N, C-alpha and C. Protein backbone atom coordinates (compact mmCIF):
# COMPACT_ATOMS: atom_id res chain seq x y z
N MET A 1 -8.72 23.02 12.79
CA MET A 1 -7.78 21.90 11.83
C MET A 1 -7.67 21.99 10.91
N ALA A 2 -6.87 22.42 9.98
CA ALA A 2 -6.90 22.52 8.41
C ALA A 2 -7.13 21.13 7.97
N LYS A 3 -7.99 21.52 6.47
CA LYS A 3 -8.61 20.23 5.93
C LYS A 3 -7.42 20.21 4.69
N LEU A 4 -7.10 18.86 4.41
CA LEU A 4 -5.84 18.46 3.61
C LEU A 4 -6.90 18.53 2.42
N THR A 5 -6.33 18.57 0.87
CA THR A 5 -6.99 18.24 -0.33
C THR A 5 -6.25 17.62 -0.94
N PRO A 6 -6.73 16.78 -1.25
CA PRO A 6 -5.87 15.73 -2.23
C PRO A 6 -5.42 16.36 -3.68
N ARG A 7 -4.06 15.99 -4.17
CA ARG A 7 -3.48 16.20 -5.21
C ARG A 7 -4.21 15.51 -6.44
N TYR A 8 -4.39 14.57 -6.04
CA TYR A 8 -5.02 13.36 -7.54
C TYR A 8 -6.63 12.83 -6.93
N THR A 9 -7.01 12.95 -8.07
CA THR A 9 -8.85 12.39 -8.17
C THR A 9 -8.54 11.07 -7.50
N ARG A 10 -9.45 10.36 -7.24
CA ARG A 10 -9.49 9.01 -6.65
C ARG A 10 -8.94 8.07 -7.84
N GLN A 11 -9.86 8.32 -9.05
CA GLN A 11 -9.15 7.50 -10.33
C GLN A 11 -7.87 7.60 -10.30
N GLU A 12 -7.09 8.75 -10.56
CA GLU A 12 -5.85 9.59 -10.71
C GLU A 12 -4.98 8.47 -9.93
N PHE A 13 -5.19 8.50 -8.28
CA PHE A 13 -4.45 7.66 -7.47
C PHE A 13 -4.53 6.43 -7.73
N ASP A 14 -5.68 5.83 -7.80
CA ASP A 14 -5.78 4.24 -8.09
C ASP A 14 -4.93 3.86 -9.43
N ARG A 15 -5.16 4.80 -10.47
CA ARG A 15 -4.11 4.17 -11.61
C ARG A 15 -2.81 4.34 -11.10
N LEU A 16 -1.96 5.34 -10.44
CA LEU A 16 -1.07 5.50 -10.35
C LEU A 16 -0.36 4.23 -9.29
N VAL A 17 -1.14 4.05 -8.43
CA VAL A 17 -0.95 2.98 -7.56
C VAL A 17 -0.61 1.59 -8.38
N GLU A 18 -1.64 1.67 -9.38
CA GLU A 18 -1.60 0.07 -10.39
C GLU A 18 -0.58 0.04 -10.86
N LEU A 19 0.11 1.34 -11.24
CA LEU A 19 1.59 1.40 -12.32
C LEU A 19 2.99 1.29 -11.64
N ILE A 20 2.75 2.17 -10.27
CA ILE A 20 4.02 2.08 -9.73
C ILE A 20 4.21 1.52 -8.77
N PHE A 21 5.25 0.82 -8.69
CA PHE A 21 5.67 0.04 -7.44
C PHE A 21 5.84 0.47 -6.17
N PRO A 22 5.35 0.06 -4.98
CA PRO A 22 5.04 0.67 -3.66
C PRO A 22 6.74 1.12 -3.35
N GLU A 23 7.25 1.49 -2.31
CA GLU A 23 8.39 2.08 -1.52
C GLU A 23 8.94 0.78 -1.08
N GLU A 24 8.22 -0.18 -0.57
CA GLU A 24 9.03 -1.19 0.12
C GLU A 24 9.45 -2.30 -0.69
N ARG A 25 8.73 -2.00 -2.19
CA ARG A 25 9.56 -2.73 -3.16
C ARG A 25 10.52 -2.49 -4.16
N ARG A 26 10.79 -0.76 -3.77
CA ARG A 26 11.40 -0.02 -4.56
C ARG A 26 13.16 -0.83 -4.79
N SER A 27 13.38 -1.41 -3.59
CA SER A 27 14.69 -1.63 -3.33
C SER A 27 15.29 -2.84 -4.65
N GLU A 28 14.06 -3.86 -4.54
CA GLU A 28 14.06 -4.87 -5.67
C GLU A 28 14.69 -4.44 -6.96
N PHE A 29 14.33 -3.13 -7.65
CA PHE A 29 14.57 -2.55 -8.97
C PHE A 29 15.38 -1.77 -9.15
N THR A 30 15.86 -0.63 -8.29
CA THR A 30 16.75 0.35 -8.06
C THR A 30 17.46 0.25 -6.75
N SER A 31 19.10 0.55 -6.70
CA SER A 31 19.39 1.32 -5.80
C SER A 31 19.38 2.76 -5.57
N LYS A 32 18.74 3.50 -6.37
CA LYS A 32 18.85 4.92 -6.42
C LYS A 32 17.42 5.71 -5.49
N PRO A 33 18.05 6.36 -4.56
CA PRO A 33 16.76 6.47 -3.47
C PRO A 33 16.04 7.57 -4.50
N TRP A 34 14.56 7.79 -3.97
CA TRP A 34 13.79 8.68 -4.36
C TRP A 34 14.18 9.91 -4.20
N GLY A 35 13.94 10.98 -4.94
CA GLY A 35 14.57 11.86 -5.11
C GLY A 35 13.77 13.37 -5.10
N GLY A 36 12.12 13.00 -4.55
CA GLY A 36 11.13 14.20 -4.18
C GLY A 36 10.49 14.36 -5.55
N GLU A 37 10.72 13.65 -6.78
CA GLU A 37 9.81 13.79 -7.63
C GLU A 37 9.40 12.68 -8.16
N GLY A 38 7.95 13.07 -8.90
CA GLY A 38 7.13 11.89 -9.09
C GLY A 38 6.31 11.42 -8.17
N PHE A 39 5.70 10.18 -8.08
CA PHE A 39 4.89 9.72 -7.23
C PHE A 39 5.53 8.45 -6.71
N ARG A 40 5.19 8.42 -5.08
CA ARG A 40 5.41 7.44 -4.64
C ARG A 40 4.51 6.86 -3.40
N HIS A 41 3.98 5.76 -3.13
CA HIS A 41 3.07 5.20 -2.02
C HIS A 41 3.81 3.79 -1.57
N TYR A 42 3.04 3.61 -0.38
CA TYR A 42 3.60 2.44 0.66
C TYR A 42 2.40 1.33 0.72
N LEU A 43 2.87 0.22 0.75
CA LEU A 43 1.47 -0.65 1.19
C LEU A 43 0.83 -0.83 2.22
N ASP A 44 1.44 -0.04 3.24
CA ASP A 44 0.63 -0.43 4.47
C ASP A 44 -0.29 1.23 4.45
N PRO A 45 -1.24 0.85 4.85
CA PRO A 45 -2.38 2.20 4.68
C PRO A 45 -2.34 3.11 5.64
N LYS A 46 -1.21 2.75 6.95
CA LYS A 46 -1.61 3.84 7.62
C LYS A 46 -0.20 4.85 7.45
N VAL A 47 0.26 4.80 6.38
CA VAL A 47 1.50 5.36 6.05
C VAL A 47 1.09 6.35 4.42
N VAL A 48 1.03 7.54 5.10
CA VAL A 48 0.57 8.22 3.87
C VAL A 48 1.59 9.69 3.46
N CYS A 49 1.89 9.50 2.46
CA CYS A 49 2.83 10.50 1.53
C CYS A 49 2.29 11.66 1.93
N ILE A 50 2.82 12.60 2.27
CA ILE A 50 2.27 14.46 2.32
C ILE A 50 2.61 14.83 0.91
N GLU A 51 3.36 14.38 0.19
CA GLU A 51 3.41 14.89 -1.11
C GLU A 51 1.92 14.76 -1.81
N HIS A 52 1.08 13.60 -1.49
CA HIS A 52 -0.08 13.60 -1.87
C HIS A 52 -1.28 14.73 -1.69
N TYR A 53 -0.59 15.37 -0.60
CA TYR A 53 -1.55 16.81 -0.28
C TYR A 53 -0.57 17.84 -0.60
N LYS A 54 0.23 17.92 -0.89
CA LYS A 54 0.91 19.01 -1.19
C LYS A 54 0.20 19.71 -2.41
N PRO A 55 0.14 21.15 -2.51
CA PRO A 55 -0.44 22.26 -3.67
C PRO A 55 0.68 21.69 -4.69
N ILE A 56 0.05 21.80 -6.02
CA ILE A 56 0.61 21.90 -7.06
C ILE A 56 1.30 23.34 -7.05
N LYS A 57 3.03 23.42 -7.58
CA LYS A 57 3.49 24.42 -7.76
C LYS A 57 2.96 25.30 -8.92
N PRO A 58 2.47 26.53 -8.88
CA PRO A 58 2.34 27.42 -10.00
C PRO A 58 3.05 27.09 -11.40
N GLY A 59 2.27 26.74 -12.28
CA GLY A 59 3.22 26.53 -13.69
C GLY A 59 3.77 25.14 -14.01
N ALA A 60 3.28 24.16 -12.97
CA ALA A 60 3.75 22.95 -13.00
C ALA A 60 2.55 22.37 -13.68
N SER A 61 2.94 21.27 -14.09
CA SER A 61 1.82 20.24 -14.87
C SER A 61 2.10 18.90 -14.60
N LEU A 62 0.50 18.23 -14.63
CA LEU A 62 0.76 16.87 -14.24
C LEU A 62 1.05 15.97 -15.75
N ARG A 63 1.30 16.79 -16.86
CA ARG A 63 1.48 16.01 -18.00
C ARG A 63 0.42 15.18 -18.44
N ARG A 64 -0.59 15.64 -18.37
CA ARG A 64 -1.91 15.37 -18.69
C ARG A 64 -2.01 15.33 -20.49
N LYS A 65 -2.68 14.38 -21.27
CA LYS A 65 -2.77 14.33 -22.64
C LYS A 65 -3.82 15.29 -23.07
N PRO A 66 -3.48 16.01 -23.50
CA PRO A 66 -4.97 17.08 -23.94
C PRO A 66 -5.80 16.37 -24.72
N ALA A 67 -7.44 16.69 -24.53
CA ALA A 67 -8.44 16.17 -24.96
C ALA A 67 -8.32 16.36 -26.38
N ALA A 68 -8.65 15.33 -27.47
CA ALA A 68 -8.57 15.19 -28.49
C ALA A 68 -9.73 16.02 -29.54
């Protein structure tokens, strides 16, 4: 069985979950469907987005702020 490597560190994931509404509540804020870009998550811990484990495309950045 292949091992899945998370795309985000635990701290990054926790911060994204804190900032972004779960998919179950998406319809309360917009009628636009998720287009495949960005971050999404679900309230149900049994639902895991495969995007959390897909490798980042070469040349793509996570838009991290450079260290000062």
